[in-house]
Amino acid sequence: MMREDMLARLLSQAATEGSDLVTLRAVVEEASELGANRVLVRMGLDDPGAREDLSELRGLLGAWRDAKRSAWKAAVDWIVRAALALLLIGLAVRFGAWEMLK
């Protein structure tokens, strides 16, 4: 609550004495820091291990994206191979190579 008190004092000082650039800058800095801390608390990222948790999550997300990209590439490769195999079978039937095998 110390930051909230400091922010309240700065706002009252700006209201009573007039607001110069330094006071306004201090108000904005304190308000933004207080808001950022509130967000971190609400998200559960205010503990000391949060930095490692976030870096681990980023690593897992990167691995997931790589796996997804590899799966799509493998699927496209199989589709292309199947299409080429069907094309070859169609050409073999068209040119009579199928009857040569009988």
PDB file of N, CA and C in Angstrom:
ATOM      1  N   MET A   1       0.804  -1.197   0.000  1.00  0.00           N
ATOM      2  CA  MET A   1       0.000   0.000   0.000  1.00  0.00           C
ATOM      3  C   MET A   1       0.850   1.266   0.000  1.00  0.00           C
ATOM      4  N   MET A   2       2.134   1.113   0.182  1.00  0.00           N
ATOM      5  CA  MET A   2       3.002   2.278   0.224  1.00  0.00           C
ATOM      6  C   MET A   2       2.991   2.995  -1.125  1.00  0.00           C
ATOM      7  N   ARG A   3       2.980   2.226  -2.202  1.00  0.00           N
ATOM      8  CA  ARG A   3       2.950   2.851  -3.528  1.00  0.00           C
ATOM      9  C   ARG A   3       1.633   3.583  -3.760  1.00  0.00           C
ATOM     10  N   GLU A   4       0.542   2.993  -3.285  1.00  0.00           N
ATOM     11  CA  GLU A   4      -0.746   3.661  -3.438  1.00  0.00           C
ATOM     12  C   GLU A   4      -0.770   4.962  -2.652  1.00  0.00           C
ATOM     13  N   ASP A   5      -0.169   4.945  -1.467  1.00  0.00           N
ATOM     14  CA  ASP A   5      -0.103   6.167  -0.666  1.00  0.00           C
ATOM     15  C   ASP A   5       0.744   7.227  -1.354  1.00  0.00           C
ATOM     16  N   MET A   6       1.866   6.795  -1.935  1.00  0.00           N
ATOM     17  CA  MET A   6       2.739   7.738  -2.630  1.00  0.00           C
ATOM     18  C   MET A   6       2.016   8.331  -3.833  1.00  0.00           C
ATOM     19  N   LEU A   7       1.263   7.487  -4.542  1.00  0.00           N
ATOM     20  CA  LEU A   7       0.515   7.977  -5.695  1.00  0.00           C
ATOM     21  C   LEU A   7      -0.558   8.980  -5.263  1.00  0.00           C
ATOM     22  N   ALA A   8      -1.223   8.690  -4.157  1.00  0.00           N
ATOM     23  CA  ALA A   8      -2.239   9.614  -3.647  1.00  0.00           C
ATOM     24  C   ALA A   8      -1.614  10.947  -3.236  1.00  0.00           C
ATOM     25  N   ARG A   9      -0.446  10.893  -2.591  1.00  0.00           N
ATOM     26  CA  ARG A   9       0.244  12.138  -2.196  1.00  0.00           C
ATOM     27  C   ARG A   9       0.657  12.939  -3.424  1.00  0.00           C
ATOM     28  N   LEU A  10       1.167  12.255  -4.442  1.00  0.00           N
ATOM     29  CA  LEU A  10       1.580  12.965  -5.654  1.00  0.00           C
ATOM     30  C   LEU A  10       0.386  13.602  -6.349  1.00  0.00           C
ATOM     31  N   LEU A  11      -0.727  12.914  -6.378  1.00  0.00           N
ATOM     32  CA  LEU A  11      -1.913  13.486  -7.000  1.00  0.00           C
ATOM     33  C   LEU A  11      -2.429  14.686  -6.223  1.00  0.00           C
ATOM     34  N   SER A  12      -2.414  14.590  -4.887  1.00  0.00           N
ATOM     35  CA  SER A  12      -2.870  15.745  -4.100  1.00  0.00           C
ATOM     36  C   SER A  12      -1.904  16.909  -4.234  1.00  0.00           C
ATOM     37  N   GLN A  13      -0.604  16.625  -4.321  1.00  0.00           N
ATOM     38  CA  GLN A  13       0.390  17.688  -4.517  1.00  0.00           C
ATOM     39  C   GLN A  13       0.175  18.351  -5.869  1.00  0.00           C
ATOM     40  N   ALA A  14      -0.122  17.550  -6.891  1.00  0.00           N
ATOM     41  CA  ALA A  14      -0.361  18.125  -8.212  1.00  0.00           C
ATOM     42  C   ALA A  14      -1.614  18.977  -8.221  1.00  0.00           C
ATOM     43  N   ALA A  15      -2.607  18.571  -7.428  1.00  0.00           N
ATOM     44  CA  ALA A  15      -3.860  19.340  -7.389  1.00  0.00           C
ATOM     45  C   ALA A  15      -3.704  20.644  -6.611  1.00  0.00           C
ATOM     46  N   THR A  16      -2.927  20.609  -5.524  1.00  0.00           N
ATOM     47  CA  THR A  16      -2.816  21.807  -4.683  1.00  0.00           C
ATOM     48  C   THR A  16      -1.768  22.781  -5.195  1.00  0.00           C
ATOM     49  N   GLU A  17      -0.618  22.282  -5.541  1.00  0.00           N
ATOM     50  CA  GLU A  17       0.490  23.164  -5.934  1.00  0.00           C
ATOM     51  C   GLU A  17       0.537  23.431  -7.428  1.00  0.00           C
ATOM     52  N   GLY A  18      -0.302  22.790  -8.165  1.00  0.00           N
ATOM     53  CA  GLY A  18      -0.196  22.885  -9.612  1.00  0.00           C
ATOM     54  C   GLY A  18       0.677  21.735 -10.093  1.00  0.00           C
ATOM     55  N   SER A  19       0.536  21.408 -11.324  1.00  0.00           N
ATOM     56  CA  SER A  19       1.275  20.242 -11.807  1.00  0.00           C
ATOM     57  C   SER A  19       2.376  20.671 -12.763  1.00  0.00           C
ATOM     58  N   ASP A  20       3.590  20.477 -12.322  1.00  0.00           N
ATOM     59  CA  ASP A  20       4.710  20.718 -13.217  1.00  0.00           C
ATOM     60  C   ASP A  20       5.062  19.381 -13.888  1.00  0.00           C
ATOM     61  N   LEU A  21       5.972  19.425 -14.802  1.00  0.00           N
ATOM     62  CA  LEU A  21       6.322  18.245 -15.592  1.00  0.00           C
ATOM     63  C   LEU A  21       6.899  17.127 -14.727  1.00  0.00           C
ATOM     64  N   VAL A  22       7.705  17.470 -13.744  1.00  0.00           N
ATOM     65  CA  VAL A  22       8.321  16.465 -12.873  1.00  0.00           C
ATOM     66  C   VAL A  22       7.264  15.736 -12.059  1.00  0.00           C
ATOM     67  N   THR A  23       6.316  16.491 -11.517  1.00  0.00           N
ATOM     68  CA  THR A  23       5.251  15.875 -10.719  1.00  0.00           C
ATOM     69  C   THR A  23       4.382  14.974 -11.583  1.00  0.00           C
ATOM     70  N   LEU A  24       4.021  15.441 -12.755  1.00  0.00           N
ATOM     71  CA  LEU A  24       3.213  14.617 -13.656  1.00  0.00           C
ATOM     72  C   LEU A  24       3.944  13.348 -14.067  1.00  0.00           C
ATOM     73  N   ARG A  25       5.221  13.472 -14.348  1.00  0.00           N
ATOM     74  CA  ARG A  25       6.010  12.292 -14.715  1.00  0.00           C
ATOM     75  C   ARG A  25       6.058  11.301 -13.559  1.00  0.00           C
ATOM     76  N   ALA A  26       6.227  11.799 -12.336  1.00  0.00           N
ATOM     77  CA  ALA A  26       6.255  10.917 -11.169  1.00  0.00           C
ATOM     78  C   ALA A  26       4.904  10.232 -10.977  1.00  0.00           C
ATOM     79  N   VAL A  27       3.814  10.962 -11.193  1.00  0.00           N
ATOM     80  CA  VAL A  27       2.474  10.375 -11.064  1.00  0.00           C
ATOM     81  C   VAL A  27       2.292   9.260 -12.087  1.00  0.00           C
ATOM     82  N   VAL A  28       2.674   9.518 -13.303  1.00  0.00           N
ATOM     83  CA  VAL A  28       2.515   8.520 -14.359  1.00  0.00           C
ATOM     84  C   VAL A  28       3.384   7.294 -14.079  1.00  0.00           C
ATOM     85  N   GLU A  29       4.624   7.507 -13.656  1.00  0.00           N
ATOM     86  CA  GLU A  29       5.504   6.375 -13.367  1.00  0.00           C
ATOM     87  C   GLU A  29       4.973   5.526 -12.222  1.00  0.00           C
ATOM     88  N   GLU A  30       4.527   6.178 -11.155  1.00  0.00           N
ATOM     89  CA  GLU A  30       4.003   5.432 -10.008  1.00  0.00           C
ATOM     90  C   GLU A  30       2.719   4.696 -10.371  1.00  0.00           C
ATOM     91  N   ALA A  31       1.855   5.336 -11.137  1.00  0.00           N
ATOM     92  CA  ALA A  31       0.592   4.695 -11.520  1.00  0.00           C
ATOM     93  C   ALA A  31       0.849   3.496 -12.426  1.00  0.00           C
ATOM     94  N   SER A  32       1.769   3.638 -13.356  1.00  0.00           N
ATOM     95  CA  SER A  32       2.043   2.519 -14.259  1.00  0.00           C
ATOM     96  C   SER A  32       2.720   1.366 -13.526  1.00  0.00           C
ATOM     97  N   GLU A  33       3.614   1.668 -12.622  1.00  0.00           N
ATOM     98  CA  GLU A  33       4.256   0.613 -11.828  1.00  0.00           C
ATOM     99  C   GLU A  33       3.247  -0.101 -10.934  1.00  0.00           C
ATOM    100  N   LEU A  34       2.359   0.662 -10.325  1.00  0.00           N
ATOM    101  CA  LEU A  34       1.329   0.073  -9.476  1.00  0.00           C
ATOM    102  C   LEU A  34       0.395  -0.814 -10.290  1.00  0.00           C
ATOM    103  N   GLY A  35       0.015  -0.350 -11.471  1.00  0.00           N
ATOM    104  CA  GLY A  35      -0.847  -1.155 -12.345  1.00  0.00           C
ATOM    105  C   GLY A  35      -0.158  -2.419 -12.817  1.00  0.00           C
ATOM    106  N   ALA A  36       1.118  -2.324 -13.160  1.00  0.00           N
ATOM    107  CA  ALA A  36       1.857  -3.501 -13.596  1.00  0.00           C
ATOM    108  C   ALA A  36       1.970  -4.527 -12.479  1.00  0.00           C
ATOM    109  N   ASN A  37       2.222  -4.064 -11.263  1.00  0.00           N
ATOM    110  CA  ASN A  37       2.298  -4.985 -10.125  1.00  0.00           C
ATOM    111  C   ASN A  37       0.954  -5.659  -9.864  1.00  0.00           C
ATOM    112  N   ARG A  38      -0.126  -4.918 -10.006  1.00  0.00           N
ATOM    113  CA  ARG A  38      -1.452  -5.512  -9.814  1.00  0.00           C
ATOM    114  C   ARG A  38      -1.721  -6.599 -10.845  1.00  0.00           C
ATOM    115  N   VAL A  39      -1.335  -6.336 -12.066  1.00  0.00           N
ATOM    116  CA  VAL A  39      -1.541  -7.337 -13.120  1.00  0.00           C
ATOM    117  C   VAL A  39      -0.735  -8.585 -12.824  1.00  0.00           C
ATOM    118  N   LEU A  40       0.503  -8.423 -12.414  1.00  0.00           N
ATOM    119  CA  LEU A  40       1.336  -9.587 -12.090  1.00  0.00           C
ATOM    120  C   LEU A  40       0.743 -10.394 -10.946  1.00  0.00           C
ATOM    121  N   VAL A  41       0.208  -9.711  -9.945  1.00  0.00           N
ATOM    122  CA  VAL A  41      -0.409 -10.413  -8.810  1.00  0.00           C
ATOM    123  C   VAL A  41      -1.645 -11.166  -9.277  1.00  0.00           C
ATOM    124  N   ARG A  42      -2.471 -10.529 -10.088  1.00  0.00           N
ATOM    125  CA  ARG A  42      -3.698 -11.181 -10.565  1.00  0.00           C
ATOM    126  C   ARG A  42      -3.399 -12.391 -11.438  1.00  0.00           C
ATOM    127  N   MET A  43      -2.305 -12.338 -12.174  1.00  0.00           N
ATOM    128  CA  MET A  43      -1.941 -13.459 -13.042  1.00  0.00           C
ATOM    129  C   MET A  43      -1.159 -14.536 -12.297  1.00  0.00           C
ATOM    130  N   GLY A  44      -0.798 -14.267 -11.066  1.00  0.00           N
ATOM    131  CA  GLY A  44      -0.037 -15.238 -10.286  1.00  0.00           C
ATOM    132  C   GLY A  44       1.431 -15.264 -10.637  1.00  0.00           C
ATOM    133  N   LEU A  45       1.932 -14.158 -11.147  1.00  0.00           N
ATOM    134  CA  LEU A  45       3.331 -14.081 -11.563  1.00  0.00           C
ATOM    135  C   LEU A  45       4.148 -13.155 -10.670  1.00  0.00           C
ATOM    136  N   ASP A  46       3.772 -13.062  -9.425  1.00  0.00           N
ATOM    137  CA  ASP A  46       4.469 -12.154  -8.517  1.00  0.00           C
ATOM    138  C   ASP A  46       5.483 -12.875  -7.639  1.00  0.00           C
ATOM    139  N   ASP A  47       5.682 -14.168  -7.847  1.00  0.00           N
ATOM    140  CA  ASP A  47       6.644 -14.906  -7.025  1.00  0.00           C
ATOM    141  C   ASP A  47       8.025 -14.908  -7.691  1.00  0.00           C
ATOM    142  N   PRO A  48       9.080 -15.253  -6.953  1.00  0.00           N
ATOM    143  CA  PRO A  48      10.434 -15.214  -7.521  1.00  0.00           C
ATOM    144  C   PRO A  48      10.663 -16.214  -8.657  1.00  0.00           C
ATOM    145  N   GLY A  49       9.915 -17.303  -8.693  1.00  0.00           N
ATOM    146  CA  GLY A  49      10.119 -18.309  -9.732  1.00  0.00           C
ATOM    147  C   GLY A  49       9.357 -18.035 -11.012  1.00  0.00           C
ATOM    148  N   ALA A  50       8.682 -16.889 -11.093  1.00  0.00           N
ATOM    149  CA  ALA A  50       7.860 -16.585 -12.263  1.00  0.00           C
ATOM    150  C   ALA A  50       8.698 -16.437 -13.527  1.00  0.00           C
ATOM    151  N   ARG A  51       9.892 -15.898 -13.395  1.00  0.00           N
ATOM    152  CA  ARG A  51      10.745 -15.704 -14.581  1.00  0.00           C
ATOM    153  C   ARG A  51      11.096 -17.050 -15.206  1.00  0.00           C
ATOM    154  N   GLU A  52      11.466 -18.028 -14.365  1.00  0.00           N
ATOM    155  CA  GLU A  52      11.796 -19.360 -14.899  1.00  0.00           C
ATOM    156  C   GLU A  52      10.558 -20.026 -15.485  1.00  0.00           C
ATOM    157  N   ASP A  53       9.401 -19.828 -14.832  1.00  0.00           N
ATOM    158  CA  ASP A  53       8.162 -20.405 -15.347  1.00  0.00           C
ATOM    159  C   ASP A  53       7.845 -19.870 -16.742  1.00  0.00           C
ATOM    160  N   LEU A  54       7.991 -18.566 -16.909  1.00  0.00           N
ATOM    161  CA  LEU A  54       7.700 -17.967 -18.210  1.00  0.00           C
ATOM    162  C   LEU A  54       8.691 -18.433 -19.275  1.00  0.00           C
ATOM    163  N   SER A  55       9.966 -18.540 -18.925  1.00  0.00           N
ATOM    164  CA  SER A  55      10.931 -19.009 -19.921  1.00  0.00           C
ATOM    165  C   SER A  55      10.681 -20.467 -20.280  1.00  0.00           C
ATOM    166  N   GLU A  56      10.252 -21.273 -19.301  1.00  0.00           N
ATOM    167  CA  GLU A  56       9.917 -22.668 -19.587  1.00  0.00           C
ATOM    168  C   GLU A  56       8.679 -22.758 -20.487  1.00  0.00           C
ATOM    169  N   LEU A  57       7.696 -21.912 -20.209  1.00  0.00           N
ATOM    170  CA  LEU A  57       6.507 -21.891 -21.061  1.00  0.00           C
ATOM    171  C   LEU A  57       6.835 -21.450 -22.479  1.00  0.00           C
ATOM    172  N   ARG A  58       7.729 -20.488 -22.605  1.00  0.00           N
ATOM    173  CA  ARG A  58       8.152 -20.068 -23.948  1.00  0.00           C
ATOM    174  C   ARG A  58       8.851 -21.203 -24.688  1.00  0.00           C
ATOM    175  N   GLY A  59       9.680 -21.957 -23.968  1.00  0.00           N
ATOM    176  CA  GLY A  59      10.345 -23.103 -24.585  1.00  0.00           C
ATOM    177  C   GLY A  59       9.352 -24.164 -25.026  1.00  0.00           C
ATOM    178  N   LEU A  60       8.353 -24.435 -24.173  1.00  0.00           N
ATOM    179  CA  LEU A  60       7.323 -25.416 -24.537  1.00  0.00           C
ATOM    180  C   LEU A  60       6.505 -24.939 -25.730  1.00  0.00           C
ATOM    181  N   LEU A  61       6.194 -23.657 -25.763  1.00  0.00           N
ATOM    182  CA  LEU A  61       5.444 -23.117 -26.884  1.00  0.00           C
ATOM    183  C   LEU A  61       6.249 -23.208 -28.178  1.00  0.00           C
ATOM    184  N   GLY A  62       7.538 -22.939 -28.104  1.00  0.00           N
ATOM    185  CA  GLY A  62       8.398 -23.074 -29.282  1.00  0.00           C
ATOM    186  C   GLY A  62       8.464 -24.512 -29.761  1.00  0.00           C
ATOM    187  N   ALA A  63       8.565 -25.456 -28.829  1.00  0.00           N
ATOM    188  CA  ALA A  63       8.589 -26.875 -29.197  1.00  0.00           C
ATOM    189  C   ALA A  63       7.266 -27.290 -29.830  1.00  0.00           C
ATOM    190  N   TRP A  64       6.153 -26.785 -29.281  1.00  0.00           N
ATOM    191  CA  TRP A  64       4.840 -27.092 -29.851  1.00  0.00           C
ATOM    192  C   TRP A  64       4.734 -26.561 -31.277  1.00  0.00           C
ATOM    193  N   ARG A  65       5.215 -25.360 -31.515  1.00  0.00           N
ATOM    194  CA  ARG A  65       5.163 -24.782 -32.867  1.00  0.00           C
ATOM    195  C   ARG A  65       6.028 -25.576 -33.832  1.00  0.00           C
ATOM    196  N   ASP A  66       7.199 -26.005 -33.379  1.00  0.00           N
ATOM    197  CA  ASP A  66       8.061 -26.829 -34.231  1.00  0.00           C
ATOM    198  C   ASP A  66       7.400 -28.166 -34.561  1.00  0.00           C
ATOM    199  N   ALA A  67       6.775 -28.786 -33.560  1.00  0.00           N
ATOM    200  CA  ALA A  67       6.101 -30.065 -33.788  1.00  0.00           C
ATOM    201  C   ALA A  67       4.932 -29.898 -34.750  1.00  0.00           C
ATOM    202  N   LYS A  68       4.192 -28.817 -34.593  1.00  0.00           N
ATOM    203  CA  LYS A  68       3.055 -28.561 -35.483  1.00  0.00           C
ATOM    204  C   LYS A  68       3.536 -28.340 -36.915  1.00  0.00           C
ATOM    205  N   ARG A  69       4.616 -27.601 -37.071  1.00  0.00           N
ATOM    206  CA  ARG A  69       5.182 -27.354 -38.396  1.00  0.00           C
ATOM    207  C   ARG A  69       5.664 -28.656 -39.025  1.00  0.00           C
ATOM    208  N   SER A  70       6.299 -29.505 -38.228  1.00  0.00           N
ATOM    209  CA  SER A  70       6.775 -30.793 -38.739  1.00  0.00           C
ATOM    210  C   SER A  70       5.617 -31.696 -39.135  1.00  0.00           C
ATOM    211  N   ALA A  71       4.546 -31.677 -38.358  1.00  0.00           N
ATOM    212  CA  ALA A  71       3.383 -32.504 -38.680  1.00  0.00           C
ATOM    213  C   ALA A  71       2.747 -32.052 -39.988  1.00  0.00           C
ATOM    214  N   TRP A  72       2.618 -30.755 -40.185  1.00  0.00           N
ATOM    215  CA  TRP A  72       2.061 -30.252 -41.435  1.00  0.00           C
ATOM    216  C   TRP A  72       2.947 -30.621 -42.613  1.00  0.00           C
ATOM    217  N   LYS A  73       4.250 -30.506 -42.428  1.00  0.00           N
ATOM    218  CA  LYS A  73       5.176 -30.841 -43.510  1.00  0.00           C
ATOM    219  C   LYS A  73       5.078 -32.320 -43.858  1.00  0.00           C
ATOM    220  N   ALA A  74       4.992 -33.182 -42.845  1.00  0.00           N
ATOM    221  CA  ALA A  74       4.861 -34.613 -43.090  1.00  0.00           C
ATOM    222  C   ALA A  74       3.542 -34.923 -43.796  1.00  0.00           C
ATOM    223  N   ALA A  75       2.463 -34.256 -43.390  1.00  0.00           N
ATOM    224  CA  ALA A  75       1.168 -34.485 -44.036  1.00  0.00           C
ATOM    225  C   ALA A  75       1.204 -34.072 -45.502  1.00  0.00           C
ATOM    226  N   VAL A  76       1.793 -32.928 -45.783  1.00  0.00           N
ATOM    227  CA  VAL A  76       1.904 -32.466 -47.171  1.00  0.00           C
ATOM    228  C   VAL A  76       2.781 -33.425 -47.976  1.00  0.00           C
ATOM    229  N   ASP A  77       3.877 -33.909 -47.396  1.00  0.00           N
ATOM    230  CA  ASP A  77       4.739 -34.868 -48.088  1.00  0.00           C
ATOM    231  C   ASP A  77       3.963 -36.140 -48.444  1.00  0.00           C
ATOM    232  N   TRP A  78       3.171 -36.665 -47.519  1.00  0.00           N
ATOM    233  CA  TRP A  78       2.395 -37.872 -47.786  1.00  0.00           C
ATOM    234  C   TRP A  78       1.342 -37.630 -48.857  1.00  0.00           C
ATOM    235  N   ILE A  79       0.704 -36.483 -48.836  1.00  0.00           N
ATOM    236  CA  ILE A  79      -0.306 -36.166 -49.851  1.00  0.00           C
ATOM    237  C   ILE A  79       0.330 -36.075 -51.233  1.00  0.00           C
ATOM    238  N   VAL A  80       1.492 -35.434 -51.309  1.00  0.00           N
ATOM    239  CA  VAL A  80       2.187 -35.316 -52.596  1.00  0.00           C
ATOM    240  C   VAL A  80       2.619 -36.699 -53.085  1.00  0.00           C
ATOM    241  N   ARG A  81       3.140 -37.535 -52.196  1.00  0.00           N
ATOM    242  CA  ARG A  81       3.540 -38.881 -52.604  1.00  0.00           C
ATOM    243  C   ARG A  81       2.354 -39.706 -53.078  1.00  0.00           C
ATOM    244  N   ALA A  82       1.228 -39.612 -52.384  1.00  0.00           N
ATOM    245  CA  ALA A  82       0.032 -40.347 -52.789  1.00  0.00           C
ATOM    246  C   ALA A  82      -0.456 -39.862 -54.147  1.00  0.00           C
ATOM    247  N   ALA A  83      -0.441 -38.540 -54.373  1.00  0.00           N
ATOM    248  CA  ALA A  83      -0.873 -37.992 -55.663  1.00  0.00           C
ATOM    249  C   ALA A  83       0.050 -38.463 -56.785  1.00  0.00           C
ATOM    250  N   LEU A  84       1.350 -38.485 -56.524  1.00  0.00           N
ATOM    251  CA  LEU A  84       2.286 -38.962 -57.551  1.00  0.00           C
ATOM    252  C   LEU A  84       2.103 -40.456 -57.820  1.00  0.00           C
ATOM    253  N   ALA A  85       1.847 -41.236 -56.788  1.00  0.00           N
ATOM    254  CA  ALA A  85       1.609 -42.665 -56.983  1.00  0.00           C
ATOM    255  C   ALA A  85       0.352 -42.893 -57.807  1.00  0.00           C
ATOM    256  N   LEU A  86      -0.717 -42.149 -57.516  1.00  0.00           N
ATOM    257  CA  LEU A  86      -1.936 -42.271 -58.313  1.00  0.00           C
ATOM    258  C   LEU A  86      -1.705 -41.847 -59.758  1.00  0.00           C
ATOM    259  N   LEU A  87      -0.909 -40.820 -59.953  1.00  0.00           N
ATOM    260  CA  LEU A  87      -0.581 -40.373 -61.306  1.00  0.00           C
ATOM    261  C   LEU A  87       0.167 -41.461 -62.066  1.00  0.00           C
ATOM    262  N   LEU A  88       1.140 -42.088 -61.398  1.00  0.00           N
ATOM    263  CA  LEU A  88       1.895 -43.168 -62.052  1.00  0.00           C
ATOM    264  C   LEU A  88       0.997 -44.359 -62.372  1.00  0.00           C
ATOM    265  N   ILE A  89       0.106 -44.707 -61.475  1.00  0.00           N
ATOM    266  CA  ILE A  89      -0.819 -45.810 -61.728  1.00  0.00           C
ATOM    267  C   ILE A  89      -1.748 -45.452 -62.894  1.00  0.00           C
ATOM    268  N   GLY A  90      -2.217 -44.216 -62.909  1.00  0.00           N
ATOM    269  CA  GLY A  90      -3.068 -43.775 -64.021  1.00  0.00           C
ATOM    270  C   GLY A  90      -2.338 -43.814 -65.343  1.00  0.00           C
ATOM    271  N   LEU A  91      -1.075 -43.399 -65.360  1.00  0.00           N
ATOM    272  CA  LEU A  91      -0.282 -43.454 -66.599  1.00  0.00           C
ATOM    273  C   LEU A  91      -0.048 -44.902 -67.031  1.00  0.00           C
ATOM    274  N   ALA A  92       0.196 -45.778 -66.082  1.00  0.00           N
ATOM    275  CA  ALA A  92       0.422 -47.185 -66.407  1.00  0.00           C
ATOM    276  C   ALA A  92      -0.836 -47.793 -67.018  1.00  0.00           C
ATOM    277  N   VAL A  93      -1.989 -47.461 -66.475  1.00  0.00           N
ATOM    278  CA  VAL A  93      -3.240 -47.977 -67.029  1.00  0.00           C
ATOM    279  C   VAL A  93      -3.491 -47.366 -68.397  1.00  0.00           C
ATOM    280  N   ARG A  94      -3.238 -46.116 -68.553  1.00  0.00           N
ATOM    281  CA  ARG A  94      -3.496 -45.397 -69.817  1.00  0.00           C
ATOM    282  C   ARG A  94      -2.637 -45.954 -70.955  1.00  0.00           C
ATOM    283  N   PHE A  95      -1.396 -46.245 -70.683  1.00  0.00           N
ATOM    284  CA  PHE A  95      -0.498 -46.709 -71.740  1.00  0.00           C
ATOM    285  C   PHE A  95      -0.447 -48.229 -71.853  1.00  0.00           C
ATOM    286  N   GLY A  96      -1.280 -48.912 -71.125  1.00  0.00           N
ATOM    287  CA  GLY A  96      -1.394 -50.357 -71.264  1.00  0.00           C
ATOM    288  C   GLY A  96      -0.347 -51.154 -70.516  1.00  0.00           C
ATOM    289  N   ALA A  97       0.388 -50.547 -69.666  1.00  0.00           N
ATOM    290  CA  ALA A  97       1.399 -51.294 -68.919  1.00  0.00           C
ATOM    291  C   ALA A  97       0.737 -52.252 -67.946  1.00  0.00           C
ATOM    292  N   TRP A  98      -0.495 -51.992 -67.597  1.00  0.00           N
ATOM    293  CA  TRP A  98      -1.229 -52.851 -66.661  1.00  0.00           C
ATOM    294  C   TRP A  98      -1.487 -54.213 -67.305  1.00  0.00           C
ATOM    295  N   GLU A  99      -1.765 -54.239 -68.601  1.00  0.00           N
ATOM    296  CA  GLU A  99      -2.046 -55.489 -69.296  1.00  0.00           C
ATOM    297  C   GLU A  99      -0.778 -56.266 -69.571  1.00  0.00           C
ATOM    298  N   MET A 100       0.329 -55.555 -69.616  1.00  0.00           N
ATOM    299  CA  MET A 100       1.617 -56.244 -69.817  1.00  0.00           C
ATOM    300  C   MET A 100       1.971 -57.051 -68.585  1.00  0.00           C
ATOM    301  N   LEU A 101       1.499 -56.622 -67.455  1.00  0.00           N
ATOM    302  CA  LEU A 101       1.797 -57.318 -66.206  1.00  0.00           C
ATOM    303  C   LEU A 101       0.951 -58.580 -66.044  1.00  0.00           C
ATOM    304  N   LYS A 102      -0.164 -58.683 -66.743  1.00  0.00           N
ATOM    305  CA  LYS A 102      -1.045 -59.837 -66.622  1.00  0.00           C
ATOM    306  C   LYS A 102      -0.503 -61.012 -67.311  1.00  0.00           C
TER     307      LYS A 102
END
